[in-house]
């Protein structure tokens, strides 16, 4: 994703939000690449992740506003329609529902049934916060049924593209980019009233995944 940021983001970016920040690598990279081009915000429900991210930012001499919160709780009104880039590495591992949101390190991976408990909460938040030209980047696992995630966003008027698909010994991961799209928006009403259109769109989305080449753990592809 770094190459994408270098090519495109400076012309677009005024504000960026990174949710579920882990060690803070993504928000730090954005701040390093773009410098003073934009305002950077990073959130995580885990206070330890926030502290580690602060250390990462300081070690690289850059700044972001760090907030210990769940996704963007408390920020919805302030940031509605103003965020140009959202990057999310959510808890996506399928686990028992009672593990979701627990304190401690488990909050970094526990995603509930199909790993979707947190992801399904992020999607409407992203829709509310993104600017008209905003982009959402999300990491998903194959068990999350990413084509269904793409369909949910399609029904909100977003197009999607799989930028990276990576196979490890234990996981099959994707990075998916979403953006508002006129053609997708025109399909929203049709999908709501015509099951055939919805099925056709779903099949199109599903077809993206088997065509994408799996990449080795030391390679990446971005656009």
C-alpha atoms as a PDB file:
ATOM      1  CA  UNK A   1       0.000   0.000   0.000  1.00  0.00           C
ATOM      2  CA  UNK A   2       2.972   2.305   0.431  1.00  0.00           C
ATOM      3  CA  UNK A   3       3.350   2.854  -3.322  1.00  0.00           C
ATOM      4  CA  UNK A   4      -0.312   3.755  -3.615  1.00  0.00           C
ATOM      5  CA  UNK A   5       0.084   6.404  -0.915  1.00  0.00           C
ATOM      6  CA  UNK A   6       3.116   7.926  -2.611  1.00  0.00           C
ATOM      7  CA  UNK A   7       1.398   8.199  -5.988  1.00  0.00           C
ATOM      8  CA  UNK A   8      -2.089   9.281  -5.068  1.00  0.00           C
ATOM      9  CA  UNK A   9      -2.662  10.436  -1.534  1.00  0.00           C
ATOM     10  CA  UNK A  10      -0.954  13.848  -1.455  1.00  0.00           C
ATOM     11  CA  UNK A  11      -3.444  15.156  -4.023  1.00  0.00           C
ATOM     12  CA  UNK A  12      -6.364  13.881  -1.961  1.00  0.00           C
ATOM     13  CA  UNK A  13      -5.497  13.738   1.680  1.00  0.00           C
ATOM     14  CA  UNK A  14      -6.614  16.236   4.276  1.00  0.00           C
ATOM     15  CA  UNK A  15      -7.331  13.754   7.050  1.00  0.00           C
ATOM     16  CA  UNK A  16      -6.606  10.078   7.677  1.00  0.00           C
ATOM     17  CA  UNK A  17      -7.946   7.697  10.305  1.00  0.00           C
ATOM     18  CA  UNK A  18      -6.349   4.396  11.283  1.00  0.00           C
ATOM     19  CA  UNK A  19      -8.522   2.169  13.498  1.00  0.00           C
ATOM     20  CA  UNK A  20      -7.261  -0.888  15.406  1.00  0.00           C
ATOM     21  CA  UNK A  21      -3.734   0.427  15.157  1.00  0.00           C
ATOM     22  CA  UNK A  22      -1.714  -2.406  16.776  1.00  0.00           C
ATOM     23  CA  UNK A  23       1.897  -1.159  16.803  1.00  0.00           C
ATOM     24  CA  UNK A  24       1.078   1.993  14.831  1.00  0.00           C
ATOM     25  CA  UNK A  25       3.050   1.073  11.723  1.00  0.00           C
ATOM     26  CA  UNK A  26       0.345   2.165   9.247  1.00  0.00           C
ATOM     27  CA  UNK A  27      -0.398   5.586  10.724  1.00  0.00           C
ATOM     28  CA  UNK A  28       3.330   6.229  11.175  1.00  0.00           C
ATOM     29  CA  UNK A  29       3.983   5.315   7.533  1.00  0.00           C
ATOM     30  CA  UNK A  30       1.247   7.671   6.348  1.00  0.00           C
ATOM     31  CA  UNK A  31       2.650  10.494   8.461  1.00  0.00           C
ATOM     32  CA  UNK A  32       6.178   9.859   7.160  1.00  0.00           C
ATOM     33  CA  UNK A  33       5.073   9.747   3.523  1.00  0.00           C
ATOM     34  CA  UNK A  34       2.810  12.769   3.627  1.00  0.00           C
ATOM     35  CA  UNK A  35       4.492  14.924   6.238  1.00  0.00           C
ATOM     36  CA  UNK A  36       2.375  17.994   6.936  1.00  0.00           C
ATOM     37  CA  UNK A  37      -0.030  17.310   4.076  1.00  0.00           C
ATOM     38  CA  UNK A  38      -2.807  16.126   6.390  1.00  0.00           C
ATOM     39  CA  UNK A  39      -4.188  15.488   9.857  1.00  0.00           C
ATOM     40  CA  UNK A  40      -3.705  11.968  11.195  1.00  0.00           C
ATOM     41  CA  UNK A  41      -5.898  10.228  13.777  1.00  0.00           C
ATOM     42  CA  UNK A  42      -5.353   6.748  15.217  1.00  0.00           C
ATOM     43  CA  UNK A  43      -7.792   4.859  17.422  1.00  0.00           C
ATOM     44  CA  UNK A  44      -7.785   1.603  19.326  1.00  0.00           C
ATOM     45  CA  UNK A  45      -9.870   0.150  22.138  1.00  0.00           C
ATOM     46  CA  UNK A  46      -6.676  -1.332  23.613  1.00  0.00           C
ATOM     47  CA  UNK A  47      -4.784   1.261  25.689  1.00  0.00           C
ATOM     48  CA  UNK A  48      -1.550  -0.708  25.294  1.00  0.00           C
ATOM     49  CA  UNK A  49      -1.796  -0.390  21.498  1.00  0.00           C
ATOM     50  CA  UNK A  50      -2.240   3.367  21.886  1.00  0.00           C
ATOM     51  CA  UNK A  51       0.884   3.609  24.065  1.00  0.00           C
ATOM     52  CA  UNK A  52       2.952   1.517  21.647  1.00  0.00           C
ATOM     53  CA  UNK A  53       1.751   3.618  18.706  1.00  0.00           C
ATOM     54  CA  UNK A  54       2.812   6.785  20.513  1.00  0.00           C
ATOM     55  CA  UNK A  55       6.272   5.305  20.944  1.00  0.00           C
ATOM     56  CA  UNK A  56       6.398   4.330  17.261  1.00  0.00           C
ATOM     57  CA  UNK A  57       5.405   7.832  16.157  1.00  0.00           C
ATOM     58  CA  UNK A  58       7.932   9.479  18.466  1.00  0.00           C
ATOM     59  CA  UNK A  59      10.703   7.147  17.304  1.00  0.00           C
ATOM     60  CA  UNK A  60      10.124   8.321  13.735  1.00  0.00           C
ATOM     61  CA  UNK A  61       9.632  11.989  14.557  1.00  0.00           C
ATOM     62  CA  UNK A  62       6.042  12.283  13.367  1.00  0.00           C
ATOM     63  CA  UNK A  63       2.720  13.096  15.023  1.00  0.00           C
ATOM     64  CA  UNK A  64      -0.839  11.758  15.043  1.00  0.00           C
ATOM     65  CA  UNK A  65      -3.779  12.356  17.313  1.00  0.00           C
ATOM     66  CA  UNK A  66      -4.175   9.167  19.380  1.00  0.00           C
ATOM     67  CA  UNK A  67      -7.537   8.249  20.894  1.00  0.00           C
ATOM     68  CA  UNK A  68      -8.334   5.270  23.119  1.00  0.00           C
ATOM     69  CA  UNK A  69     -11.808   4.406  21.818  1.00  0.00           C
ATOM     70  CA  UNK A  70     -13.795   1.710  20.050  1.00  0.00           C
ATOM     71  CA  UNK A  71     -13.439   2.302  16.271  1.00  0.00           C
ATOM     72  CA  UNK A  72     -14.476   5.969  16.182  1.00  0.00           C
ATOM     73  CA  UNK A  73     -16.822   6.220  19.149  1.00  0.00           C
ATOM     74  CA  UNK A  74     -17.204   9.846  20.171  1.00  0.00           C
ATOM     75  CA  UNK A  75     -15.756  11.093  16.876  1.00  0.00           C
ATOM     76  CA  UNK A  76     -18.710  10.519  14.535  1.00  0.00           C
ATOM     77  CA  UNK A  77     -20.084  14.067  14.609  1.00  0.00           C
ATOM     78  CA  UNK A  78     -16.685  15.724  14.513  1.00  0.00           C
ATOM     79  CA  UNK A  79     -15.421  13.699  11.543  1.00  0.00           C
ATOM     80  CA  UNK A  80     -18.619  12.992   9.577  1.00  0.00           C
ATOM     81  CA  UNK A  81     -17.874  13.265   5.856  1.00  0.00           C
ATOM     82  CA  UNK A  82     -14.392  14.668   6.469  1.00  0.00           C
ATOM     83  CA  UNK A  83     -12.026  11.684   6.422  1.00  0.00           C
ATOM     84  CA  UNK A  84     -10.222  11.105   3.138  1.00  0.00           C
ATOM     85  CA  UNK A  85      -8.526   7.812   4.014  1.00  0.00           C
ATOM     86  CA  UNK A  86      -9.498   5.158   6.567  1.00  0.00           C
ATOM     87  CA  UNK A  87      -7.163   2.208   7.127  1.00  0.00           C
ATOM     88  CA  UNK A  88      -8.438  -0.649   9.269  1.00  0.00           C
ATOM     89  CA  UNK A  89      -6.762  -3.861  10.397  1.00  0.00           C
ATOM     90  CA  UNK A  90      -9.690  -5.221  12.412  1.00  0.00           C
ATOM     91  CA  UNK A  91      -9.919  -8.249  14.696  1.00  0.00           C
ATOM     92  CA  UNK A  92     -10.870 -10.758  11.989  1.00  0.00           C
ATOM     93  CA  UNK A  93     -10.130 -14.182  13.499  1.00  0.00           C
ATOM     94  CA  UNK A  94     -13.264 -16.339  14.026  1.00  0.00           C
ATOM     95  CA  UNK A  95     -13.712 -16.874  17.778  1.00  0.00           C
ATOM     96  CA  UNK A  96     -16.540 -17.414  20.275  1.00  0.00           C
ATOM     97  CA  UNK A  97     -18.634 -14.251  20.540  1.00  0.00           C
ATOM     98  CA  UNK A  98     -17.825 -13.826  24.237  1.00  0.00           C
ATOM     99  CA  UNK A  99     -14.165 -13.207  23.387  1.00  0.00           C
ATOM    100  CA  UNK A 100     -14.936 -10.080  21.345  1.00  0.00           C
ATOM    101  CA  UNK A 101     -14.026  -6.828  23.077  1.00  0.00           C
ATOM    102  CA  UNK A 102     -12.327  -8.409  26.044  1.00  0.00           C
ATOM    103  CA  UNK A 103      -9.540  -6.521  27.724  1.00  0.00           C
ATOM    104  CA  UNK A 104      -6.013  -7.590  26.920  1.00  0.00           C
ATOM    105  CA  UNK A 105      -4.291  -8.884  23.823  1.00  0.00           C
ATOM    106  CA  UNK A 106      -7.281 -10.983  22.680  1.00  0.00           C
ATOM    107  CA  UNK A 107      -9.021  -7.789  21.549  1.00  0.00           C
ATOM    108  CA  UNK A 108      -6.430  -7.581  18.760  1.00  0.00           C
ATOM    109  CA  UNK A 109      -7.719 -10.687  16.981  1.00  0.00           C
ATOM    110  CA  UNK A 110     -11.059 -11.903  18.428  1.00  0.00           C
ATOM    111  CA  UNK A 111     -13.650 -11.351  15.690  1.00  0.00           C
ATOM    112  CA  UNK A 112     -16.574 -13.487  16.850  1.00  0.00           C
ATOM    113  CA  UNK A 113     -18.595 -15.675  14.499  1.00  0.00           C
ATOM    114  CA  UNK A 114     -16.950 -15.722  11.036  1.00  0.00           C
ATOM    115  CA  UNK A 115     -14.619 -13.011  12.352  1.00  0.00           C
ATOM    116  CA  UNK A 116     -17.231 -10.394  11.435  1.00  0.00           C
ATOM    117  CA  UNK A 117     -18.376  -8.981  14.791  1.00  0.00           C
ATOM    118  CA  UNK A 118     -16.129  -5.924  14.617  1.00  0.00           C
ATOM    119  CA  UNK A 119     -15.953  -5.662  10.817  1.00  0.00           C
ATOM    120  CA  UNK A 120     -19.737  -5.328  10.517  1.00  0.00           C
ATOM    121  CA  UNK A 121     -19.644  -2.444  13.008  1.00  0.00           C
ATOM    122  CA  UNK A 122     -16.852  -0.694  11.123  1.00  0.00           C
ATOM    123  CA  UNK A 123     -18.626  -0.572   7.744  1.00  0.00           C
ATOM    124  CA  UNK A 124     -21.423   1.906   8.672  1.00  0.00           C
ATOM    125  CA  UNK A 125     -18.937   4.009  10.655  1.00  0.00           C
ATOM    126  CA  UNK A 126     -16.659   4.246   7.619  1.00  0.00           C
ATOM    127  CA  UNK A 127     -19.623   5.172   5.421  1.00  0.00           C
ATOM    128  CA  UNK A 128     -20.453   8.022   7.800  1.00  0.00           C
ATOM    129  CA  UNK A 129     -16.908   9.349   8.148  1.00  0.00           C
ATOM    130  CA  UNK A 130     -15.578   9.113   4.582  1.00  0.00           C
ATOM    131  CA  UNK A 131     -15.539  12.205   2.407  1.00  0.00           C
ATOM    132  CA  UNK A 132     -17.068  12.081  -1.069  1.00  0.00           C
ATOM    133  CA  UNK A 133     -13.674  11.158  -2.547  1.00  0.00           C
ATOM    134  CA  UNK A 134     -12.579   9.081   0.451  1.00  0.00           C
ATOM    135  CA  UNK A 135     -11.013   5.627   0.411  1.00  0.00           C
ATOM    136  CA  UNK A 136     -11.372   2.776   2.893  1.00  0.00           C
ATOM    137  CA  UNK A 137      -8.650   0.125   3.104  1.00  0.00           C
ATOM    138  CA  UNK A 138      -9.523  -2.975   5.128  1.00  0.00           C
ATOM    139  CA  UNK A 139      -7.685  -6.200   5.902  1.00  0.00           C
ATOM    140  CA  UNK A 140      -9.889  -9.293   5.784  1.00  0.00           C
ATOM    141  CA  UNK A 141      -9.534 -13.039   6.151  1.00  0.00           C
ATOM    142  CA  UNK A 142     -11.134 -15.474   3.692  1.00  0.00           C
ATOM    143  CA  UNK A 143     -13.265 -16.845   6.551  1.00  0.00           C
ATOM    144  CA  UNK A 144     -14.816 -13.368   6.859  1.00  0.00           C
ATOM    145  CA  UNK A 145     -16.531 -13.906   3.466  1.00  0.00           C
ATOM    146  CA  UNK A 146     -14.989 -10.769   1.921  1.00  0.00           C
ATOM    147  CA  UNK A 147     -17.229 -10.911  -1.157  1.00  0.00           C
ATOM    148  CA  UNK A 148     -20.212 -10.425   1.168  1.00  0.00           C
ATOM    149  CA  UNK A 149     -18.424  -7.483   2.801  1.00  0.00           C
ATOM    150  CA  UNK A 150     -17.959  -5.995  -0.675  1.00  0.00           C
ATOM    151  CA  UNK A 151     -21.676  -6.545  -1.377  1.00  0.00           C
ATOM    152  CA  UNK A 152     -22.648  -4.737   1.830  1.00  0.00           C
ATOM    153  CA  UNK A 153     -20.552  -1.769   0.773  1.00  0.00           C
ATOM    154  CA  UNK A 154     -21.900  -1.997  -2.798  1.00  0.00           C
ATOM    155  CA  UNK A 155     -25.381  -1.586  -1.313  1.00  0.00           C
ATOM    156  CA  UNK A 156     -24.120   1.650   0.265  1.00  0.00           C
ATOM    157  CA  UNK A 157     -22.862   2.859  -3.128  1.00  0.00           C
ATOM    158  CA  UNK A 158     -19.209   1.769  -2.966  1.00  0.00           C
ATOM    159  CA  UNK A 159     -17.068   0.021  -5.519  1.00  0.00           C
ATOM    160  CA  UNK A 160     -14.322  -2.294  -4.286  1.00  0.00           C
ATOM    161  CA  UNK A 161     -11.059  -3.758  -5.446  1.00  0.00           C
ATOM    162  CA  UNK A 162      -8.778  -6.387  -3.937  1.00  0.00           C
ATOM    163  CA  UNK A 163      -5.317  -4.857  -3.871  1.00  0.00           C
ATOM    164  CA  UNK A 164      -3.442  -7.699  -2.217  1.00  0.00           C
ATOM    165  CA  UNK A 165      -4.222 -11.334  -1.549  1.00  0.00           C
ATOM    166  CA  UNK A 166      -1.659 -13.208   0.504  1.00  0.00           C
ATOM    167  CA  UNK A 167      -1.495 -16.849   1.527  1.00  0.00           C
ATOM    168  CA  UNK A 168       0.414 -17.921   4.635  1.00  0.00           C
ATOM    169  CA  UNK A 169       0.614 -21.307   6.339  1.00  0.00           C
ATOM    170  CA  UNK A 170      -2.383 -20.417   8.505  1.00  0.00           C
ATOM    171  CA  UNK A 171      -4.301 -17.626   6.768  1.00  0.00           C
ATOM    172  CA  UNK A 172      -5.549 -16.292   3.460  1.00  0.00           C
ATOM    173  CA  UNK A 173      -5.591 -12.492   3.737  1.00  0.00           C
ATOM    174  CA  UNK A 174      -6.855  -9.695   1.497  1.00  0.00           C
ATOM    175  CA  UNK A 175      -6.494  -5.939   1.527  1.00  0.00           C
ATOM    176  CA  UNK A 176      -9.607  -4.427  -0.021  1.00  0.00           C
ATOM    177  CA  UNK A 177     -10.045  -0.843  -1.161  1.00  0.00           C
ATOM    178  CA  UNK A 178     -13.528   0.775  -1.162  1.00  0.00           C
ATOM    179  CA  UNK A 179     -14.582   4.085  -2.688  1.00  0.00           C
ATOM    180  CA  UNK A 180     -17.841   5.839  -3.568  1.00  0.00           C
ATOM    181  CA  UNK A 181     -18.823   5.072  -7.138  1.00  0.00           C
ATOM    182  CA  UNK A 182     -21.572   6.503  -9.350  1.00  0.00           C
ATOM    183  CA  UNK A 183     -22.259   3.176 -11.086  1.00  0.00           C
ATOM    184  CA  UNK A 184     -22.486   1.359  -7.758  1.00  0.00           C
ATOM    185  CA  UNK A 185     -24.833   4.018  -6.407  1.00  0.00           C
ATOM    186  CA  UNK A 186     -27.125   3.593  -9.410  1.00  0.00           C
ATOM    187  CA  UNK A 187     -27.372  -0.141  -8.646  1.00  0.00           C
ATOM    188  CA  UNK A 188     -28.449   0.355  -5.032  1.00  0.00           C
ATOM    189  CA  UNK A 189     -32.171   0.768  -5.744  1.00  0.00           C
ATOM    190  CA  UNK A 190     -32.123  -2.055  -8.280  1.00  0.00           C
ATOM    191  CA  UNK A 191     -30.543  -4.441  -5.776  1.00  0.00           C
ATOM    192  CA  UNK A 192     -33.118  -3.509  -3.147  1.00  0.00           C
ATOM    193  CA  UNK A 193     -36.031  -4.433  -5.410  1.00  0.00           C
ATOM    194  CA  UNK A 194     -34.589  -6.986  -7.821  1.00  0.00           C
ATOM    195  CA  UNK A 195     -33.069 -10.190  -6.438  1.00  0.00           C
ATOM    196  CA  UNK A 196     -31.657 -11.074  -9.848  1.00  0.00           C
ATOM    197  CA  UNK A 197     -29.571  -7.899  -9.926  1.00  0.00           C
ATOM    198  CA  UNK A 198     -28.353  -8.550  -6.390  1.00  0.00           C
ATOM    199  CA  UNK A 199     -27.365 -12.117  -7.274  1.00  0.00           C
ATOM    200  CA  UNK A 200     -25.532 -10.940 -10.391  1.00  0.00           C
ATOM    201  CA  UNK A 201     -23.580  -8.363  -8.407  1.00  0.00           C
ATOM    202  CA  UNK A 202     -22.710 -10.960  -5.769  1.00  0.00           C
ATOM    203  CA  UNK A 203     -21.396 -13.387  -8.394  1.00  0.00           C
ATOM    204  CA  UNK A 204     -19.284 -10.621  -9.910  1.00  0.00           C
ATOM    205  CA  UNK A 205     -17.780  -9.831  -6.525  1.00  0.00           C
ATOM    206  CA  UNK A 206     -17.116 -13.478  -5.764  1.00  0.00           C
ATOM    207  CA  UNK A 207     -15.332 -13.893  -9.069  1.00  0.00           C
ATOM    208  CA  UNK A 208     -12.648 -11.402  -8.004  1.00  0.00           C
ATOM    209  CA  UNK A 209     -11.200 -13.719  -5.403  1.00  0.00           C
ATOM    210  CA  UNK A 210     -10.205 -16.891  -7.262  1.00  0.00           C
ATOM    211  CA  UNK A 211      -8.688 -14.825 -10.092  1.00  0.00           C
ATOM    212  CA  UNK A 212      -6.323 -12.988  -7.770  1.00  0.00           C
ATOM    213  CA  UNK A 213      -2.875 -14.607  -7.526  1.00  0.00           C
ATOM    214  CA  UNK A 214      -1.775 -15.550  -4.044  1.00  0.00           C
ATOM    215  CA  UNK A 215       1.411 -13.865  -3.023  1.00  0.00           C
ATOM    216  CA  UNK A 216       4.238 -15.255  -0.949  1.00  0.00           C
ATOM    217  CA  UNK A 217       4.770 -13.895   2.535  1.00  0.00           C
ATOM    218  CA  UNK A 218       7.627 -11.672   1.348  1.00  0.00           C
ATOM    219  CA  UNK A 219       5.839 -10.135  -1.636  1.00  0.00           C
ATOM    220  CA  UNK A 220       3.099  -7.562  -2.095  1.00  0.00           C
ATOM    221  CA  UNK A 221       1.059  -5.920  -4.829  1.00  0.00           C
ATOM    222  CA  UNK A 222      -0.722  -2.591  -4.607  1.00  0.00           C
ATOM    223  CA  UNK A 223      -2.581  -0.111  -6.697  1.00  0.00           C
END
